Amino acid sequence: MTSVITTERLTLRPWQDSDVDFVYDLYSRWVVQRFIGSEPAVMEHRSEAETRLRRFQELEHPVHGIWAVTRTEDGLPVGTLLLKPIPASGEEPLQASEDVEIGWHFHPDHWGSGFASEAAVAVLDHAFAAGLPHVVAVTNPANEASQSVCRRIGMEHLGQSKKYYNAKCELFLVKNPALEA
């Protein structure tokens, strides 16, 4: 079960069936989807959002999760935050590597608010408290905004890599500070 994580302004919670319209709104926007996947595509039908929402809900793990990020003040969904095994490059279907990735997708109405960084720091704290030794992030080489978030949350840029997703990505890493002794 995905745990609830709170920050000063945000509540990261499990996805609910009632979130389907937000999922459709978020992932039907080219400005959001343009950097996601090797062949970016927008959702064209609400049924795609229903399928994705079920996939989000199916990840049951004590540490990993795919959270709905909401504003605590009013419960408004503003984005998605994920912490899950990252697929290694190789033959399709891709298999999970031993590394865990953090990633985020936020609604454009909430870009520039610091929500991605705030939510990501909270999830990294959750990951490291659970004993994960490190977490990676990958971005499309053109996704400068997500690369800036990676740097703001203390991730080290390791350069470009084709290690994951069968794609050339910018690779970032952050190590668990409690294990750095």
N, C-alpha and C. Protein backbone atom coordinates (compact mmCIF):
# COMPACT_ATOMS: atom_id res chain seq x y z
N MET A 1 0.84 -1.19 0.00
CA MET A 1 0.00 0.00 0.00
C MET A 1 0.88 1.25 0.00
N THR A 2 0.60 2.14 -0.91
CA THR A 2 1.33 3.40 -0.97
C THR A 2 1.02 4.21 0.29
N SER A 3 2.07 4.63 0.98
CA SER A 3 1.89 5.39 2.22
C SER A 3 1.56 6.85 1.90
N VAL A 4 0.94 7.53 2.84
CA VAL A 4 0.66 8.96 2.72
C VAL A 4 1.88 9.71 3.24
N ILE A 5 2.31 10.70 2.48
CA ILE A 5 3.46 11.53 2.84
C ILE A 5 2.98 12.97 2.83
N THR A 6 3.33 13.72 3.87
CA THR A 6 2.92 15.12 3.90
C THR A 6 4.13 16.03 3.97
N THR A 7 3.96 17.23 3.41
CA THR A 7 4.96 18.28 3.48
C THR A 7 4.23 19.52 3.99
N GLU A 8 4.93 20.63 4.01
CA GLU A 8 4.31 21.87 4.47
C GLU A 8 3.06 22.22 3.66
N ARG A 9 3.12 22.03 2.32
CA ARG A 9 2.01 22.44 1.47
C ARG A 9 1.28 21.30 0.77
N LEU A 10 1.87 20.10 0.82
CA LEU A 10 1.37 19.00 -0.03
C LEU A 10 1.03 17.75 0.75
N THR A 11 0.11 16.99 0.19
CA THR A 11 -0.18 15.64 0.66
C THR A 11 0.00 14.70 -0.53
N LEU A 12 0.88 13.73 -0.36
CA LEU A 12 1.09 12.71 -1.38
C LEU A 12 0.32 11.49 -0.89
N ARG A 13 -0.63 11.04 -1.70
CA ARG A 13 -1.53 9.98 -1.26
C ARG A 13 -1.74 8.96 -2.37
N PRO A 14 -2.30 7.80 -2.01
CA PRO A 14 -2.65 6.84 -3.06
C PRO A 14 -3.69 7.44 -4.01
N TRP A 15 -3.66 6.97 -5.24
CA TRP A 15 -4.64 7.41 -6.23
C TRP A 15 -6.01 6.85 -5.90
N GLN A 16 -7.02 7.63 -6.16
CA GLN A 16 -8.41 7.23 -5.95
C GLN A 16 -9.13 7.18 -7.30
N ASP A 17 -10.16 6.37 -7.39
CA ASP A 17 -10.92 6.28 -8.64
C ASP A 17 -11.42 7.65 -9.08
N SER A 18 -11.73 8.51 -8.13
CA SER A 18 -12.24 9.84 -8.45
C SER A 18 -11.19 10.76 -9.09
N ASP A 19 -9.93 10.31 -9.15
CA ASP A 19 -8.85 11.10 -9.76
C ASP A 19 -8.75 10.92 -11.27
N VAL A 20 -9.61 10.11 -11.86
CA VAL A 20 -9.47 9.77 -13.27
C VAL A 20 -9.51 11.00 -14.18
N ASP A 21 -10.36 11.97 -13.87
CA ASP A 21 -10.43 13.16 -14.72
C ASP A 21 -9.14 13.97 -14.66
N PHE A 22 -8.53 14.04 -13.47
CA PHE A 22 -7.24 14.73 -13.36
C PHE A 22 -6.16 13.98 -14.17
N VAL A 23 -6.12 12.66 -14.06
CA VAL A 23 -5.14 11.86 -14.80
C VAL A 23 -5.31 12.12 -16.30
N TYR A 24 -6.55 12.11 -16.76
CA TYR A 24 -6.80 12.36 -18.19
C TYR A 24 -6.37 13.77 -18.57
N ASP A 25 -6.72 14.77 -17.76
CA ASP A 25 -6.32 16.14 -18.05
C ASP A 25 -4.80 16.28 -18.10
N LEU A 26 -4.12 15.70 -17.14
CA LEU A 26 -2.65 15.81 -17.07
C LEU A 26 -1.97 15.16 -18.27
N TYR A 27 -2.32 13.91 -18.54
CA TYR A 27 -1.60 13.13 -19.54
C TYR A 27 -2.16 13.28 -20.96
N SER A 28 -3.16 14.13 -21.14
CA SER A 28 -3.65 14.43 -22.49
C SER A 28 -3.02 15.73 -23.02
N ARG A 29 -2.11 16.29 -22.25
CA ARG A 29 -1.44 17.55 -22.64
C ARG A 29 -0.06 17.25 -23.23
N TRP A 30 0.16 17.75 -24.44
CA TRP A 30 1.45 17.55 -25.10
C TRP A 30 2.58 18.18 -24.28
N VAL A 31 2.34 19.32 -23.67
CA VAL A 31 3.37 20.00 -22.90
C VAL A 31 3.86 19.13 -21.72
N VAL A 32 3.01 18.24 -21.23
CA VAL A 32 3.40 17.30 -20.17
C VAL A 32 4.03 16.06 -20.78
N GLN A 33 3.44 15.52 -21.82
CA GLN A 33 3.85 14.23 -22.38
C GLN A 33 5.10 14.31 -23.27
N ARG A 34 5.45 15.48 -23.73
CA ARG A 34 6.48 15.59 -24.77
C ARG A 34 7.83 14.98 -24.38
N PHE A 35 8.12 14.85 -23.09
CA PHE A 35 9.40 14.28 -22.67
C PHE A 35 9.25 12.89 -22.05
N ILE A 36 8.05 12.31 -22.09
CA ILE A 36 7.80 11.03 -21.43
C ILE A 36 7.80 9.91 -22.45
N GLY A 37 8.69 8.94 -22.26
CA GLY A 37 8.73 7.78 -23.14
C GLY A 37 9.58 8.00 -24.37
N SER A 38 9.92 6.90 -25.03
CA SER A 38 10.75 7.00 -26.23
C SER A 38 9.95 7.52 -27.43
N GLU A 39 8.64 7.34 -27.42
CA GLU A 39 7.76 7.88 -28.44
C GLU A 39 6.60 8.60 -27.73
N PRO A 40 6.82 9.84 -27.32
CA PRO A 40 5.79 10.54 -26.55
C PRO A 40 4.45 10.60 -27.30
N ALA A 41 3.38 10.44 -26.54
CA ALA A 41 2.03 10.53 -27.09
C ALA A 41 1.09 10.98 -25.99
N VAL A 42 0.09 11.73 -26.38
CA VAL A 42 -0.90 12.18 -25.41
C VAL A 42 -2.05 11.17 -25.34
N MET A 43 -2.71 11.15 -24.19
CA MET A 43 -3.92 10.34 -24.06
C MET A 43 -4.99 10.96 -24.94
N GLU A 44 -5.72 10.11 -25.63
CA GLU A 44 -6.79 10.60 -26.49
C GLU A 44 -8.17 10.21 -26.00
N HIS A 45 -8.23 9.26 -25.06
CA HIS A 45 -9.52 8.77 -24.57
C HIS A 45 -9.47 8.61 -23.05
N ARG A 46 -10.58 8.91 -22.41
CA ARG A 46 -10.68 8.78 -20.95
C ARG A 46 -10.36 7.36 -20.50
N SER A 47 -10.65 6.37 -21.33
CA SER A 47 -10.37 4.97 -20.97
C SER A 47 -8.88 4.75 -20.75
N GLU A 48 -8.01 5.50 -21.44
CA GLU A 48 -6.57 5.41 -21.21
C GLU A 48 -6.23 5.89 -19.81
N ALA A 49 -6.91 6.92 -19.36
CA ALA A 49 -6.68 7.42 -18.00
C ALA A 49 -7.15 6.40 -16.97
N GLU A 50 -8.25 5.73 -17.24
CA GLU A 50 -8.73 4.69 -16.33
C GLU A 50 -7.70 3.57 -16.21
N THR A 51 -7.11 3.17 -17.35
CA THR A 51 -6.09 2.11 -17.35
C THR A 51 -4.86 2.55 -16.58
N ARG A 52 -4.41 3.78 -16.82
CA ARG A 52 -3.22 4.27 -16.12
C ARG A 52 -3.48 4.39 -14.62
N LEU A 53 -4.64 4.87 -14.26
CA LEU A 53 -5.00 5.00 -12.86
C LEU A 53 -4.97 3.64 -12.16
N ARG A 54 -5.50 2.63 -12.81
CA ARG A 54 -5.45 1.27 -12.23
C ARG A 54 -4.01 0.82 -12.06
N ARG A 55 -3.15 1.13 -13.03
CA ARG A 55 -1.73 0.76 -12.93
C ARG A 55 -1.08 1.48 -11.75
N PHE A 56 -1.39 2.75 -11.58
CA PHE A 56 -0.88 3.50 -10.43
C PHE A 56 -1.33 2.83 -9.13
N GLN A 57 -2.59 2.43 -9.07
CA GLN A 57 -3.16 1.85 -7.85
C GLN A 57 -2.62 0.45 -7.56
N GLU A 58 -2.17 -0.26 -8.58
CA GLU A 58 -1.72 -1.64 -8.41
C GLU A 58 -0.33 -1.76 -7.79
N LEU A 59 0.46 -0.70 -7.80
CA LEU A 59 1.80 -0.78 -7.22
C LEU A 59 1.68 -0.80 -5.71
N GLU A 60 1.81 -1.98 -5.17
CA GLU A 60 1.73 -2.14 -3.72
C GLU A 60 3.09 -2.59 -3.22
N HIS A 61 3.73 -1.74 -2.46
CA HIS A 61 5.08 -2.00 -1.98
C HIS A 61 5.27 -1.13 -0.73
N PRO A 62 6.04 -1.60 0.25
CA PRO A 62 6.21 -0.79 1.46
C PRO A 62 7.02 0.50 1.25
N VAL A 63 7.82 0.56 0.19
CA VAL A 63 8.66 1.75 -0.05
C VAL A 63 8.29 2.44 -1.36
N HIS A 64 8.21 1.67 -2.44
CA HIS A 64 7.90 2.23 -3.75
C HIS A 64 6.47 2.72 -3.78
N GLY A 65 6.20 3.63 -4.69
CA GLY A 65 4.84 4.11 -4.84
C GLY A 65 4.72 5.03 -6.03
N ILE A 66 3.48 5.24 -6.43
CA ILE A 66 3.12 6.27 -7.40
C ILE A 66 2.02 7.07 -6.72
N TRP A 67 2.36 8.28 -6.32
CA TRP A 67 1.49 9.10 -5.50
C TRP A 67 0.75 10.15 -6.31
N ALA A 68 -0.48 10.43 -5.90
CA ALA A 68 -1.18 11.63 -6.34
C ALA A 68 -0.66 12.74 -5.43
N VAL A 69 -0.16 13.80 -6.02
CA VAL A 69 0.31 14.95 -5.25
C VAL A 69 -0.83 15.96 -5.22
N THR A 70 -1.26 16.30 -4.00
CA THR A 70 -2.39 17.23 -3.84
C THR A 70 -1.98 18.38 -2.93
N ARG A 71 -2.66 19.51 -3.11
CA ARG A 71 -2.44 20.62 -2.18
C ARG A 71 -3.16 20.28 -0.89
N THR A 72 -2.47 20.39 0.21
CA THR A 72 -3.06 20.07 1.51
C THR A 72 -4.24 20.99 1.82
N GLU A 73 -4.12 22.27 1.47
CA GLU A 73 -5.15 23.26 1.83
C GLU A 73 -6.53 22.93 1.27
N ASP A 74 -6.58 22.33 0.06
CA ASP A 74 -7.89 22.08 -0.55
C ASP A 74 -8.03 20.72 -1.23
N GLY A 75 -6.97 19.90 -1.17
CA GLY A 75 -7.03 18.56 -1.76
C GLY A 75 -6.94 18.53 -3.27
N LEU A 76 -6.68 19.67 -3.91
CA LEU A 76 -6.61 19.74 -5.36
C LEU A 76 -5.42 18.94 -5.88
N PRO A 77 -5.62 17.98 -6.79
CA PRO A 77 -4.48 17.27 -7.39
C PRO A 77 -3.66 18.22 -8.25
N VAL A 78 -2.33 18.13 -8.11
CA VAL A 78 -1.44 18.99 -8.89
C VAL A 78 -0.41 18.19 -9.70
N GLY A 79 -0.25 16.89 -9.38
CA GLY A 79 0.74 16.12 -10.13
C GLY A 79 0.87 14.70 -9.65
N THR A 80 1.89 14.05 -10.18
CA THR A 80 2.24 12.66 -9.90
C THR A 80 3.68 12.60 -9.44
N LEU A 81 3.97 11.78 -8.44
CA LEU A 81 5.34 11.56 -7.97
C LEU A 81 5.53 10.06 -7.90
N LEU A 82 6.61 9.56 -8.49
CA LEU A 82 6.83 8.11 -8.48
C LEU A 82 8.19 7.76 -7.90
N LEU A 83 8.22 6.60 -7.28
CA LEU A 83 9.45 5.99 -6.77
C LEU A 83 9.27 4.50 -7.04
N LYS A 84 10.02 3.99 -8.04
CA LYS A 84 9.81 2.60 -8.45
C LYS A 84 11.06 2.08 -9.13
N PRO A 85 11.16 0.74 -9.28
CA PRO A 85 12.29 0.19 -10.03
C PRO A 85 12.29 0.73 -11.46
N ILE A 86 13.47 1.09 -11.94
CA ILE A 86 13.59 1.66 -13.28
C ILE A 86 13.91 0.53 -14.27
N PRO A 87 13.21 0.49 -15.40
CA PRO A 87 13.48 -0.55 -16.39
C PRO A 87 14.86 -0.40 -17.03
N ALA A 88 15.60 -1.50 -17.07
CA ALA A 88 16.90 -1.53 -17.73
C ALA A 88 16.71 -1.62 -19.24
N SER A 89 17.62 -1.04 -19.98
CA SER A 89 17.59 -1.19 -21.43
C SER A 89 17.79 -2.65 -21.78
N GLY A 90 17.22 -3.06 -22.89
CA GLY A 90 17.34 -4.44 -23.33
C GLY A 90 16.19 -4.81 -24.23
N GLU A 91 15.95 -6.11 -24.32
CA GLU A 91 14.86 -6.59 -25.16
C GLU A 91 13.51 -6.26 -24.53
N GLU A 92 12.55 -5.97 -25.41
CA GLU A 92 11.18 -5.70 -24.95
C GLU A 92 10.52 -7.02 -24.57
N PRO A 93 9.67 -7.10 -23.58
CA PRO A 93 9.36 -6.01 -22.66
C PRO A 93 10.52 -5.76 -21.70
N LEU A 94 10.77 -4.51 -21.40
CA LEU A 94 11.88 -4.16 -20.52
C LEU A 94 11.65 -4.72 -19.13
N GLN A 95 12.74 -5.15 -18.52
CA GLN A 95 12.69 -5.71 -17.16
C GLN A 95 13.26 -4.69 -16.18
N ALA A 96 12.75 -4.71 -14.98
CA ALA A 96 13.21 -3.78 -13.95
C ALA A 96 14.69 -4.04 -13.64
N SER A 97 15.42 -2.96 -13.46
CA SER A 97 16.81 -3.05 -13.02
C SER A 97 16.81 -3.13 -11.50
N GLU A 98 17.98 -3.14 -10.91
CA GLU A 98 18.09 -3.12 -9.45
C GLU A 98 18.04 -1.70 -8.90
N ASP A 99 18.03 -0.72 -9.78
CA ASP A 99 17.98 0.68 -9.35
C ASP A 99 16.54 1.14 -9.19
N VAL A 100 16.35 2.14 -8.33
CA VAL A 100 15.04 2.74 -8.10
C VAL A 100 15.10 4.17 -8.60
N GLU A 101 14.06 4.55 -9.35
CA GLU A 101 14.01 5.91 -9.89
C GLU A 101 12.96 6.74 -9.19
N ILE A 102 13.22 8.02 -9.18
CA ILE A 102 12.24 9.00 -8.76
C ILE A 102 11.88 9.81 -10.00
N GLY A 103 10.61 10.18 -10.10
CA GLY A 103 10.17 10.98 -11.24
C GLY A 103 8.91 11.74 -10.88
N TRP A 104 8.56 12.70 -11.70
CA TRP A 104 7.41 13.56 -11.41
C TRP A 104 6.81 14.06 -12.71
N HIS A 105 5.50 14.26 -12.68
CA HIS A 105 4.74 14.86 -13.77
C HIS A 105 3.75 15.81 -13.10
N PHE A 106 3.86 17.09 -13.38
CA PHE A 106 2.99 18.07 -12.75
C PHE A 106 2.15 18.81 -13.79
N HIS A 107 0.97 19.20 -13.38
CA HIS A 107 0.07 19.95 -14.25
C HIS A 107 0.70 21.32 -14.52
N PRO A 108 0.65 21.78 -15.76
CA PRO A 108 1.28 23.07 -16.09
C PRO A 108 0.76 24.24 -15.27
N ASP A 109 -0.47 24.16 -14.78
CA ASP A 109 -1.00 25.24 -13.93
C ASP A 109 -0.21 25.39 -12.64
N HIS A 110 0.59 24.38 -12.31
CA HIS A 110 1.32 24.39 -11.04
C HIS A 110 2.84 24.37 -11.22
N TRP A 111 3.30 24.55 -12.45
CA TRP A 111 4.73 24.66 -12.69
C TRP A 111 5.24 25.95 -12.06
N GLY A 112 6.47 25.93 -11.59
CA GLY A 112 7.07 27.12 -11.02
C GLY A 112 6.68 27.40 -9.58
N SER A 113 5.93 26.50 -8.98
CA SER A 113 5.46 26.68 -7.60
C SER A 113 6.38 26.01 -6.58
N GLY A 114 7.35 25.22 -7.06
CA GLY A 114 8.21 24.47 -6.16
C GLY A 114 7.61 23.16 -5.69
N PHE A 115 6.43 22.81 -6.21
CA PHE A 115 5.78 21.57 -5.77
C PHE A 115 6.59 20.33 -6.13
N ALA A 116 7.20 20.29 -7.32
CA ALA A 116 7.96 19.10 -7.71
C ALA A 116 9.13 18.87 -6.76
N SER A 117 9.87 19.92 -6.46
CA SER A 117 11.00 19.78 -5.54
C SER A 117 10.54 19.40 -4.15
N GLU A 118 9.50 20.04 -3.67
CA GLU A 118 8.99 19.77 -2.32
C GLU A 118 8.54 18.31 -2.19
N ALA A 119 7.78 17.84 -3.17
CA ALA A 119 7.30 16.46 -3.14
C ALA A 119 8.45 15.47 -3.29
N ALA A 120 9.39 15.77 -4.18
CA ALA A 120 10.51 14.86 -4.42
C ALA A 120 11.40 14.73 -3.19
N VAL A 121 11.67 15.82 -2.50
CA VAL A 121 12.48 15.76 -1.28
C VAL A 121 11.79 14.87 -0.25
N ALA A 122 10.49 15.01 -0.11
CA ALA A 122 9.75 14.20 0.86
C ALA A 122 9.83 12.71 0.50
N VAL A 123 9.74 12.40 -0.78
CA VAL A 123 9.81 11.00 -1.20
C VAL A 123 11.23 10.46 -1.05
N LEU A 124 12.23 11.28 -1.31
CA LEU A 124 13.62 10.83 -1.06
C LEU A 124 13.82 10.56 0.43
N ASP A 125 13.30 11.42 1.29
CA ASP A 125 13.40 11.18 2.74
C ASP A 125 12.75 9.84 3.09
N HIS A 126 11.59 9.58 2.52
CA HIS A 126 10.87 8.31 2.72
C HIS A 126 11.74 7.13 2.24
N ALA A 127 12.33 7.26 1.06
CA ALA A 127 13.15 6.18 0.49
C ALA A 127 14.38 5.90 1.35
N PHE A 128 15.04 6.95 1.78
CA PHE A 128 16.26 6.77 2.56
C PHE A 128 15.96 6.30 3.97
N ALA A 129 14.85 6.73 4.55
CA ALA A 129 14.45 6.23 5.87
C ALA A 129 14.17 4.73 5.81
N ALA A 130 13.74 4.25 4.65
CA ALA A 130 13.47 2.82 4.45
C ALA A 130 14.74 2.04 4.11
N GLY A 131 15.88 2.74 3.96
CA GLY A 131 17.15 2.06 3.75
C GLY A 131 17.63 1.94 2.32
N LEU A 132 16.96 2.58 1.37
CA LEU A 132 17.48 2.52 -0.01
C LEU A 132 18.86 3.17 -0.04
N PRO A 133 19.83 2.55 -0.71
CA PRO A 133 21.18 3.12 -0.73
C PRO A 133 21.33 4.32 -1.65
N HIS A 134 20.54 4.36 -2.71
CA HIS A 134 20.58 5.49 -3.64
C HIS A 134 19.31 5.49 -4.48
N VAL A 135 19.08 6.59 -5.16
CA VAL A 135 17.94 6.74 -6.06
C VAL A 135 18.46 7.44 -7.31
N VAL A 136 17.96 7.03 -8.47
CA VAL A 136 18.34 7.67 -9.73
C VAL A 136 17.14 8.42 -10.30
N ALA A 137 17.43 9.32 -11.21
CA ALA A 137 16.41 9.99 -12.02
C ALA A 137 16.97 10.07 -13.43
N VAL A 138 16.09 9.96 -14.41
CA VAL A 138 16.48 10.14 -15.80
C VAL A 138 15.54 11.15 -16.43
N THR A 139 16.10 11.95 -17.30
CA THR A 139 15.28 12.93 -18.02
C THR A 139 15.64 12.89 -19.49
N ASN A 140 14.70 13.29 -20.30
CA ASN A 140 14.99 13.53 -21.70
C ASN A 140 16.07 14.61 -21.74
N PRO A 141 17.06 14.49 -22.64
CA PRO A 141 18.12 15.51 -22.70
C PRO A 141 17.60 16.94 -22.86
N ALA A 142 16.43 17.12 -23.45
CA ALA A 142 15.89 18.46 -23.66
C ALA A 142 15.05 18.97 -22.49
N ASN A 143 14.82 18.14 -21.49
CA ASN A 143 13.94 18.52 -20.38
C ASN A 143 14.73 19.25 -19.28
N GLU A 144 15.04 20.50 -19.56
CA GLU A 144 15.85 21.30 -18.64
C GLU A 144 15.14 21.57 -17.33
N ALA A 145 13.82 21.67 -17.34
CA ALA A 145 13.08 21.95 -16.11
C ALA A 145 13.23 20.79 -15.11
N SER A 146 13.08 19.56 -15.58
CA SER A 146 13.24 18.41 -14.67
C SER A 146 14.70 18.26 -14.24
N GLN A 147 15.63 18.59 -15.11
CA GLN A 147 17.03 18.54 -14.71
C GLN A 147 17.31 19.56 -13.61
N SER A 148 16.66 20.71 -13.67
CA SER A 148 16.82 21.71 -12.61
C SER A 148 16.26 21.20 -11.30
N VAL A 149 15.12 20.49 -11.35
CA VAL A 149 14.56 19.90 -10.12
C VAL A 149 15.55 18.89 -9.56
N CYS A 150 16.11 18.05 -10.41
CA CYS A 150 17.09 17.06 -9.94
C CYS A 150 18.23 17.73 -9.18
N ARG A 151 18.74 18.80 -9.73
CA ARG A 151 19.84 19.52 -9.07
C ARG A 151 19.37 20.16 -7.75
N ARG A 152 18.18 20.74 -7.76
CA ARG A 152 17.66 21.39 -6.54
C ARG A 152 17.48 20.40 -5.40
N ILE A 153 17.16 19.16 -5.70
CA ILE A 153 16.92 18.18 -4.64
C ILE A 153 18.19 17.41 -4.29
N GLY A 154 19.33 17.87 -4.79
CA GLY A 154 20.61 17.31 -4.38
C GLY A 154 21.13 16.15 -5.20
N MET A 155 20.58 15.94 -6.39
CA MET A 155 21.04 14.84 -7.23
C MET A 155 22.27 15.29 -8.03
N GLU A 156 23.19 14.37 -8.23
CA GLU A 156 24.40 14.61 -9.01
C GLU A 156 24.17 14.19 -10.44
N HIS A 157 24.52 15.07 -11.38
CA HIS A 157 24.39 14.76 -12.80
C HIS A 157 25.57 13.88 -13.21
N LEU A 158 25.26 12.71 -13.74
CA LEU A 158 26.30 11.76 -14.16
C LEU A 158 26.51 11.75 -15.66
N GLY A 159 25.83 12.63 -16.39
CA GLY A 159 25.98 12.68 -17.85
C GLY A 159 24.88 11.89 -18.54
N GLN A 160 25.10 11.66 -19.83
CA GLN A 160 24.11 10.92 -20.59
C GLN A 160 24.36 9.42 -20.47
N SER A 161 23.26 8.68 -20.55
CA SER A 161 23.32 7.23 -20.40
C SER A 161 22.23 6.59 -21.25
N LYS A 162 22.52 5.37 -21.71
CA LYS A 162 21.51 4.56 -22.40
C LYS A 162 21.20 3.32 -21.57
N LYS A 163 21.45 3.40 -20.27
CA LYS A 163 21.30 2.25 -19.36
C LYS A 163 19.84 1.88 -19.11
N TYR A 164 18.92 2.84 -19.28
CA TYR A 164 17.52 2.61 -18.93
C TYR A 164 16.60 2.98 -20.09
N TYR A 165 15.46 2.30 -20.13
CA TYR A 165 14.37 2.63 -21.06
C TYR A 165 14.73 2.55 -22.54
N ASN A 166 15.88 1.97 -22.90
CA ASN A 166 16.30 1.94 -24.31
C ASN A 166 16.32 3.34 -24.91
N ALA A 167 16.76 4.30 -24.13
CA ALA A 167 16.75 5.69 -24.58
C ALA A 167 17.97 6.42 -24.04
N LYS A 168 18.42 7.42 -24.78
CA LYS A 168 19.50 8.28 -24.29
C LYS A 168 18.87 9.28 -23.33
N CYS A 169 19.32 9.25 -22.08
CA CYS A 169 18.77 10.10 -21.03
C CYS A 169 19.89 10.80 -20.29
N GLU A 170 19.54 11.90 -19.66
CA GLU A 170 20.43 12.52 -18.68
C GLU A 170 20.21 11.75 -17.38
N LEU A 171 21.30 11.29 -16.78
CA LEU A 171 21.23 10.45 -15.59
C LEU A 171 21.66 11.24 -14.36
N PHE A 172 20.85 11.14 -13.30
CA PHE A 172 21.13 11.79 -12.04
C PHE A 172 21.10 10.74 -10.93
N LEU A 173 21.87 10.98 -9.86
CA LEU A 173 21.97 10.04 -8.74
C LEU A 173 22.06 10.82 -7.43
N VAL A 174 21.40 10.28 -6.42
CA VAL A 174 21.58 10.80 -5.07
C VAL A 174 21.75 9.60 -4.15
N LYS A 175 22.75 9.68 -3.27
CA LYS A 175 23.03 8.60 -2.34
C LYS A 175 22.39 8.88 -0.99
N ASN A 176 22.05 7.82 -0.29
CA ASN A 176 21.47 7.92 1.05
C ASN A 176 22.53 8.52 1.98
N PRO A 177 22.30 9.72 2.52
CA PRO A 177 23.30 10.36 3.35
C PRO A 177 23.61 9.57 4.62
N ALA A 178 22.68 8.79 5.12
CA ALA A 178 22.91 8.00 6.34
C ALA A 178 23.89 6.86 6.09
N LEU A 179 24.09 6.49 4.83
CA LEU A 179 25.01 5.40 4.49
C LEU A 179 26.34 5.91 3.99
N GLU A 180 26.54 7.22 4.02
CA GLU A 180 27.74 7.85 3.48
C GLU A 180 28.87 7.96 4.51
N ALA A 181 28.78 7.29 5.61
CA ALA A 181 29.81 7.41 6.67
C ALA A 181 31.11 6.78 6.27
